[in-house]
Amino acid sequence: MPFRMLAAEYGAHITYGEEIIDHKILKCERRVNDVLGTIDLVEKGTESVVFRTCLEEKNRVVFQIGTSDPVRALRAAQTVCMDVAAVDINMGCPKSFSISGGMGAALLAKPDLIHDILTTLKRNLDTPVTCKIRLLNSSQDTVELARRIEKTGVSALAVHGRKVVDRPRDPAKWNEIADVVAAISIPVIANGDVFEYEDFERIKVATGASSVMVARGALWNASIFSPKGKLPWEDVKRDYIRKSILWDNDVKSTKHTLKEMITHYSCLELPEGKGVIKSATLADL
C-alpha cells in the first residue's frame, strides 16, 4: 500500500496490488483498522496483514488474484470487492509458484478455464473485472484468446508484450500488442519496456492501447509517473520508507521493494544494501 500511495502521488491513475493467491485470501478475514484508518485482510492464526488498503485509494486500486478455479476465485473476490476499484485475474505470471498451481501463465493454455473464471466473476460481482495475459506462440493465437476474453464481458484486458519463455531482457513486442488492440473493442492496457515518462506516449502510439501499465520501471523509481520527470531515486527511496512507517507496512515487504531499488541503482554489497538486509524493523530501515 505505501508504494501504491507513492506512485499515485507522483501521478499514477490506477495502482495494482501484488498478486495474492486465492487460497491465501480465503484464510483471511476483513478488519477495519481504526488506528491507521485502513481496511486490512488479516490471515487467521498468524495475524499477518496480507492486504491493506484505505478509502483514499478505493477508486483506483485493483486487487490482483492468482487462481485456477472459478469458485475459489469468486469467494476470494467477494472478500475484497467492496473495498477496491476492480478485481484482476493474473494470467501472465511465469514464476513457478504460480504456474505449478495452475495459475498465472499456466492459464494461457486453458481458454475454457479462463472463460469459466471470468464469466463466474462477471455474473456474480458488481465490481469491474479485468485480466492480464502474455503473448502466445503466434500473434493470431493471442488475438483469438483476447477475443474470447472480450466475450466474457470483462472491463479491460492488459497485455504484456512477452511470451512465457521470454526473459525480461528480451524486448517487448509492442507490434503484437497492437494486433490485439485492433481486434477487440474493450480497453487494452499495454505493458512491457516502459522505463521513462516519454515511453507512455511511445507505447500508446505504437500499439493504440487505451492505457499503459508499468512494472519494473515503477518499482525502480515510482516518480516515473510524474510529467515533470523522474526525481532522484534517493528521494523516492526516502519517501517510500516514510510512507512504509506511516502505514505500518510489513517490514519484509518494505525490504523487498528497497532491495529492488538498490539493486537497480547501486549494489546490495555496499554498506547501505547490507544495512537493509540486516534490518529487522521499520525503525532499523
Protein backbone atom coordinates (compact mmCIF):
# COMPACT_ATOMS: atom_id res chain seq x y z
CA MET A 1 0.00 0.00 0.00
CA PRO A 2 2.70 2.63 0.77
CA PHE A 3 4.22 2.01 -2.65
CA ARG A 4 0.82 2.34 -4.38
CA MET A 5 0.16 5.57 -2.47
CA LEU A 6 3.57 6.87 -3.51
CA ALA A 7 3.00 6.01 -7.20
CA ALA A 8 -0.40 7.73 -7.09
CA GLU A 9 1.13 10.82 -5.50
CA TYR A 10 3.61 11.03 -8.39
CA GLY A 11 0.83 10.69 -10.98
CA ALA A 12 -0.33 7.05 -11.44
CA HIS A 13 -4.07 6.95 -12.15
CA ILE A 14 -4.60 3.27 -11.27
CA THR A 15 -2.47 1.10 -8.97
CA TYR A 16 -2.43 -2.68 -8.61
CA GLY A 17 -1.79 -4.76 -5.53
CA GLU A 18 0.70 -7.58 -5.91
CA GLU A 19 -0.73 -10.96 -6.94
CA ILE A 20 -2.28 -12.76 -3.98
CA ILE A 21 -3.27 -16.42 -4.29
CA ASP A 22 -6.96 -17.26 -3.74
CA HIS A 23 -6.12 -19.94 -1.11
CA LYS A 24 -4.36 -17.26 0.95
CA ILE A 25 -7.25 -14.80 0.67
CA LEU A 26 -9.70 -17.44 1.88
CA LYS A 27 -7.68 -17.83 5.09
CA CYS A 28 -8.16 -14.12 5.83
CA GLU A 29 -10.79 -12.01 7.50
CA ARG A 30 -11.58 -8.37 6.75
CA ARG A 31 -10.88 -5.99 9.61
CA VAL A 32 -11.28 -2.24 9.98
CA ASN A 33 -8.08 -0.77 11.46
CA ASP A 34 -9.19 2.33 13.38
CA VAL A 35 -5.63 3.23 14.41
CA LEU A 36 -4.35 3.54 10.83
CA GLY A 37 -7.67 4.29 9.15
CA THR A 38 -7.28 1.26 6.87
CA ILE A 39 -9.11 -1.89 5.83
CA ASP A 40 -6.92 -4.95 6.48
CA LEU A 41 -7.14 -8.51 5.21
CA VAL A 42 -5.64 -10.43 8.12
CA GLU A 43 -4.66 -14.09 7.99
CA LYS A 44 -6.38 -16.01 10.77
CA GLY A 45 -3.92 -17.76 13.03
CA THR A 46 -0.81 -15.84 12.01
CA GLU A 47 -2.40 -12.37 12.37
CA SER A 48 -0.27 -11.18 9.44
CA VAL A 49 -1.70 -8.47 7.18
CA VAL A 50 -1.98 -9.95 3.69
CA PHE A 51 -3.50 -6.84 2.07
CA ARG A 52 -4.05 -3.33 3.37
CA THR A 53 -5.99 -0.53 1.71
CA CYS A 54 -7.74 2.72 2.61
CA LEU A 55 -10.62 4.90 1.49
CA GLU A 56 -8.26 7.29 -0.30
CA GLU A 57 -7.30 4.66 -2.87
CA LYS A 58 -10.64 2.87 -3.15
CA ASN A 59 -11.46 4.32 -6.58
CA ARG A 60 -8.10 3.42 -8.13
CA VAL A 61 -6.75 0.24 -6.50
CA VAL A 62 -7.05 -3.04 -8.40
CA PHE A 63 -6.90 -6.27 -6.40
CA GLN A 64 -4.92 -8.91 -8.28
CA ILE A 65 -5.81 -12.57 -7.70
CA GLY A 66 -3.88 -15.71 -8.60
CA THR A 67 -6.36 -18.52 -9.20
CA SER A 68 -7.08 -21.69 -11.16
CA ASP A 69 -10.65 -22.27 -10.01
CA PRO A 70 -13.84 -20.25 -10.72
CA VAL A 71 -15.49 -20.93 -7.34
CA ARG A 72 -12.37 -20.10 -5.33
CA ALA A 73 -11.77 -17.01 -7.45
CA LEU A 74 -15.29 -15.78 -6.74
CA ARG A 75 -15.05 -16.41 -2.99
CA ALA A 76 -11.71 -14.58 -2.90
CA ALA A 77 -13.05 -11.67 -4.94
CA GLN A 78 -16.14 -11.37 -2.71
CA THR A 79 -13.84 -10.95 0.30
CA VAL A 80 -12.32 -7.75 -1.12
CA CYS A 81 -14.62 -6.37 -3.81
CA MET A 82 -16.35 -3.79 -1.60
CA ASP A 83 -13.00 -2.10 -0.85
CA VAL A 84 -11.40 -1.89 -4.31
CA ALA A 85 -12.00 -0.34 -7.74
CA ALA A 86 -11.64 -3.62 -9.68
CA VAL A 87 -10.60 -7.25 -9.41
CA ASP A 88 -7.93 -8.56 -11.79
CA ILE A 89 -7.10 -12.16 -12.64
CA ASN A 90 -3.39 -12.70 -13.24
CA MET A 91 -2.85 -14.88 -16.30
CA GLY A 92 0.66 -13.74 -17.04
CA CYS A 93 2.88 -14.62 -14.09
CA PRO A 94 5.60 -17.03 -15.30
CA LYS A 95 7.00 -17.80 -11.83
CA SER A 96 6.99 -21.40 -10.67
CA PHE A 97 4.87 -20.78 -7.53
CA SER A 98 2.10 -19.55 -9.80
CA ILE A 99 2.44 -22.00 -12.70
CA SER A 100 2.81 -25.10 -10.50
CA GLY A 101 -0.62 -24.35 -9.02
CA GLY A 102 -2.16 -23.99 -12.48
CA MET A 103 -2.34 -20.23 -12.02
CA GLY A 104 -0.76 -17.24 -13.77
CA ALA A 105 0.65 -18.04 -17.20
CA ALA A 106 -0.46 -21.69 -16.85
CA LEU A 107 -3.99 -20.48 -17.60
CA LEU A 108 -2.96 -19.32 -21.08
CA ALA A 109 -3.10 -22.94 -22.26
CA LYS A 110 -6.63 -23.38 -20.84
CA PRO A 111 -9.01 -20.99 -22.62
CA ASP A 112 -12.09 -22.87 -21.34
CA LEU A 113 -10.97 -22.41 -17.75
CA ILE A 114 -10.21 -18.71 -18.42
CA HIS A 115 -13.76 -18.37 -19.77
CA ASP A 116 -15.26 -20.12 -16.70
CA ILE A 117 -13.33 -17.99 -14.19
CA LEU A 118 -14.13 -14.67 -15.87
CA THR A 119 -17.80 -15.40 -16.56
CA THR A 120 -18.30 -16.63 -12.97
CA LEU A 121 -16.86 -13.37 -11.63
CA LYS A 122 -18.81 -11.22 -14.09
CA ARG A 123 -22.12 -12.94 -13.26
CA ASN A 124 -21.72 -12.56 -9.50
CA LEU A 125 -19.87 -9.28 -8.91
CA ASP A 126 -20.87 -5.65 -9.36
CA THR A 127 -17.17 -4.69 -9.22
CA PRO A 128 -15.38 -4.39 -12.61
CA VAL A 129 -13.34 -7.46 -13.58
CA THR A 130 -10.14 -7.32 -15.66
CA CYS A 131 -7.35 -9.73 -16.52
CA LYS A 132 -3.77 -9.71 -17.73
CA ILE A 133 -2.24 -12.09 -20.28
CA ARG A 134 1.09 -12.61 -22.04
CA LEU A 135 1.66 -13.15 -25.74
CA LEU A 136 1.05 -16.66 -27.05
CA ASN A 137 3.15 -18.51 -29.64
CA SER A 138 1.72 -16.56 -32.55
CA SER A 139 0.02 -13.20 -32.80
CA GLN A 140 -3.04 -14.97 -34.23
CA ASP A 141 -3.28 -17.18 -31.10
CA THR A 142 -3.05 -14.14 -28.83
CA VAL A 143 -5.79 -12.35 -30.79
CA GLU A 144 -8.07 -15.40 -30.62
CA LEU A 145 -7.65 -15.62 -26.85
CA ALA A 146 -8.23 -11.87 -26.48
CA ARG A 147 -11.48 -12.14 -28.49
CA ARG A 148 -12.61 -14.99 -26.26
CA ILE A 149 -11.80 -12.96 -23.14
CA GLU A 150 -13.68 -9.95 -24.53
CA LYS A 151 -16.83 -12.11 -24.88
CA THR A 152 -16.84 -12.80 -21.11
CA GLY A 153 -17.68 -9.12 -20.52
CA VAL A 154 -14.52 -8.03 -18.71
CA SER A 155 -13.92 -4.28 -18.46
CA ALA A 156 -10.34 -4.27 -19.79
CA LEU A 157 -7.51 -6.56 -20.86
CA ALA A 158 -3.85 -5.96 -20.03
CA VAL A 159 -1.33 -7.48 -22.46
CA HIS A 160 2.30 -7.99 -21.51
CA GLY A 161 4.35 -7.89 -24.72
CA ARG A 162 6.40 -11.01 -23.98
CA LYS A 163 5.82 -14.75 -24.17
CA VAL A 164 6.21 -17.03 -21.14
CA VAL A 165 9.64 -18.20 -22.35
CA ASP A 166 10.93 -14.64 -22.88
CA ARG A 167 13.24 -13.11 -20.31
CA PRO A 168 12.95 -9.53 -19.04
CA ARG A 169 15.98 -8.55 -21.16
CA ASP A 170 14.18 -9.67 -24.35
CA PRO A 171 12.50 -6.67 -25.99
CA ALA A 172 8.73 -6.45 -25.57
CA LYS A 173 6.83 -6.94 -28.85
CA TRP A 174 4.68 -3.83 -29.00
CA ASN A 175 3.55 -4.74 -32.53
CA GLU A 176 1.80 -7.86 -31.20
CA ILE A 177 0.00 -5.79 -28.56
CA ALA A 178 -1.16 -3.57 -31.46
CA ASP A 179 -2.67 -6.66 -33.15
CA VAL A 180 -4.80 -7.29 -30.04
CA VAL A 181 -5.90 -3.62 -29.86
CA ALA A 182 -7.01 -3.78 -33.50
CA ALA A 183 -9.01 -6.97 -32.93
CA ILE A 184 -11.11 -6.11 -29.87
CA SER A 185 -13.18 -3.16 -28.70
CA ILE A 186 -12.67 -3.21 -24.92
CA PRO A 187 -9.81 -1.10 -23.50
CA VAL A 188 -6.39 -2.72 -23.82
CA ILE A 189 -3.65 -1.91 -21.29
CA ALA A 190 -0.19 -2.17 -22.86
CA ASN A 191 2.67 -3.46 -20.72
CA GLY A 192 6.38 -4.01 -21.36
CA ASP A 193 9.56 -1.90 -21.61
CA VAL A 194 8.23 1.35 -20.15
CA PHE A 195 11.11 2.94 -18.24
CA GLU A 196 10.73 6.71 -18.82
CA TYR A 197 7.75 9.10 -18.80
CA GLU A 198 8.19 9.57 -22.57
CA ASP A 199 7.65 5.81 -23.06
CA PHE A 200 3.97 6.20 -22.09
CA GLU A 201 3.28 8.15 -25.27
CA ARG A 202 5.59 5.96 -27.38
CA ILE A 203 3.86 2.70 -26.47
CA LYS A 204 0.40 4.26 -26.83
CA VAL A 205 1.24 5.49 -30.34
CA ALA A 206 2.86 2.16 -31.28
CA THR A 207 0.00 -0.02 -30.01
CA GLY A 208 -3.11 2.16 -29.97
CA ALA A 209 -3.72 0.97 -26.40
CA SER A 210 -6.05 2.87 -24.07
CA SER A 211 -3.60 2.94 -21.20
CA VAL A 212 -0.17 1.80 -20.10
CA MET A 213 0.97 -0.43 -17.25
CA VAL A 214 4.43 -0.14 -15.70
CA ALA A 215 6.07 -2.79 -13.53
CA ARG A 216 9.87 -2.73 -13.19
CA GLY A 217 10.17 0.90 -14.29
CA ALA A 218 7.86 1.94 -11.45
CA LEU A 219 9.44 -0.37 -8.90
CA TRP A 220 12.87 1.14 -9.56
CA ASN A 221 11.61 4.73 -9.41
CA ALA A 222 7.94 5.43 -8.68
CA SER A 223 8.30 9.03 -9.90
CA ILE A 224 8.26 7.66 -13.49
CA PHE A 225 4.58 8.74 -13.39
CA SER A 226 5.44 12.42 -12.93
CA PRO A 227 5.05 14.62 -16.06
CA LYS A 228 7.86 16.79 -14.64
CA GLY A 229 10.31 13.91 -14.99
CA LYS A 230 11.88 11.50 -12.54
CA LEU A 231 13.10 12.57 -9.13
CA PRO A 232 16.46 11.29 -7.86
CA TRP A 233 15.95 7.72 -6.67
CA GLU A 234 17.42 8.63 -3.25
CA ASP A 235 14.46 10.99 -2.70
CA VAL A 236 11.94 8.39 -3.88
CA LYS A 237 13.51 5.78 -1.59
CA ARG A 238 13.19 8.07 1.45
CA ASP A 239 9.58 8.95 0.52
CA TYR A 240 8.82 5.24 0.31
CA ILE A 241 10.31 4.47 3.73
CA ARG A 242 8.39 7.38 5.30
CA LYS A 243 5.14 6.03 3.85
CA SER A 244 6.01 2.48 4.97
CA ILE A 245 6.36 3.78 8.53
CA LEU A 246 3.19 5.89 8.25
CA TRP A 247 1.10 2.91 7.12
CA ASP A 248 2.96 0.35 9.31
CA ASN A 249 3.92 -1.73 6.27
CA ASP A 250 5.20 -5.28 6.66
CA VAL A 251 8.98 -4.99 7.10
CA LYS A 252 9.71 -7.92 4.74
CA SER A 253 7.64 -6.26 2.04
CA THR A 254 9.38 -2.90 2.52
CA LYS A 255 12.80 -4.58 2.43
CA HIS A 256 11.92 -6.45 -0.77
CA THR A 257 10.98 -3.21 -2.55
CA LEU A 258 14.07 -1.38 -1.25
CA LYS A 259 16.31 -4.23 -2.44
CA GLU A 260 14.82 -3.97 -5.93
CA MET A 261 15.57 -0.24 -6.00
CA ILE A 262 19.08 -0.59 -4.58
CA THR A 263 19.97 -3.48 -6.93
CA HIS A 264 18.96 -1.38 -9.94
CA TYR A 265 20.79 1.82 -8.98
CA SER A 266 23.55 0.60 -6.69
CA CYS A 267 24.59 -2.70 -5.09
CA LEU A 268 23.46 -4.75 -2.09
CA GLU A 269 27.13 -5.40 -1.21
CA LEU A 270 27.68 -1.74 -0.28
CA PRO A 271 27.05 -0.59 3.33
CA GLU A 272 23.53 0.65 2.59
CA GLY A 273 22.50 -2.65 0.99
CA LYS A 274 23.98 -4.66 3.84
CA GLY A 275 22.17 -2.40 6.30
CA VAL A 276 18.83 -3.02 4.60
CA ILE A 277 19.40 -6.79 4.61
CA LYS A 278 20.24 -6.75 8.35
CA SER A 279 17.26 -4.54 9.30
CA ALA A 280 14.66 -6.30 11.42
CA THR A 281 12.21 -3.41 11.86
CA LEU A 282 10.98 -0.31 10.04
CA ALA A 283 12.89 1.74 12.61
CA ASP A 284 16.12 -0.02 11.56
CA LEU A 285 15.40 0.85 7.92
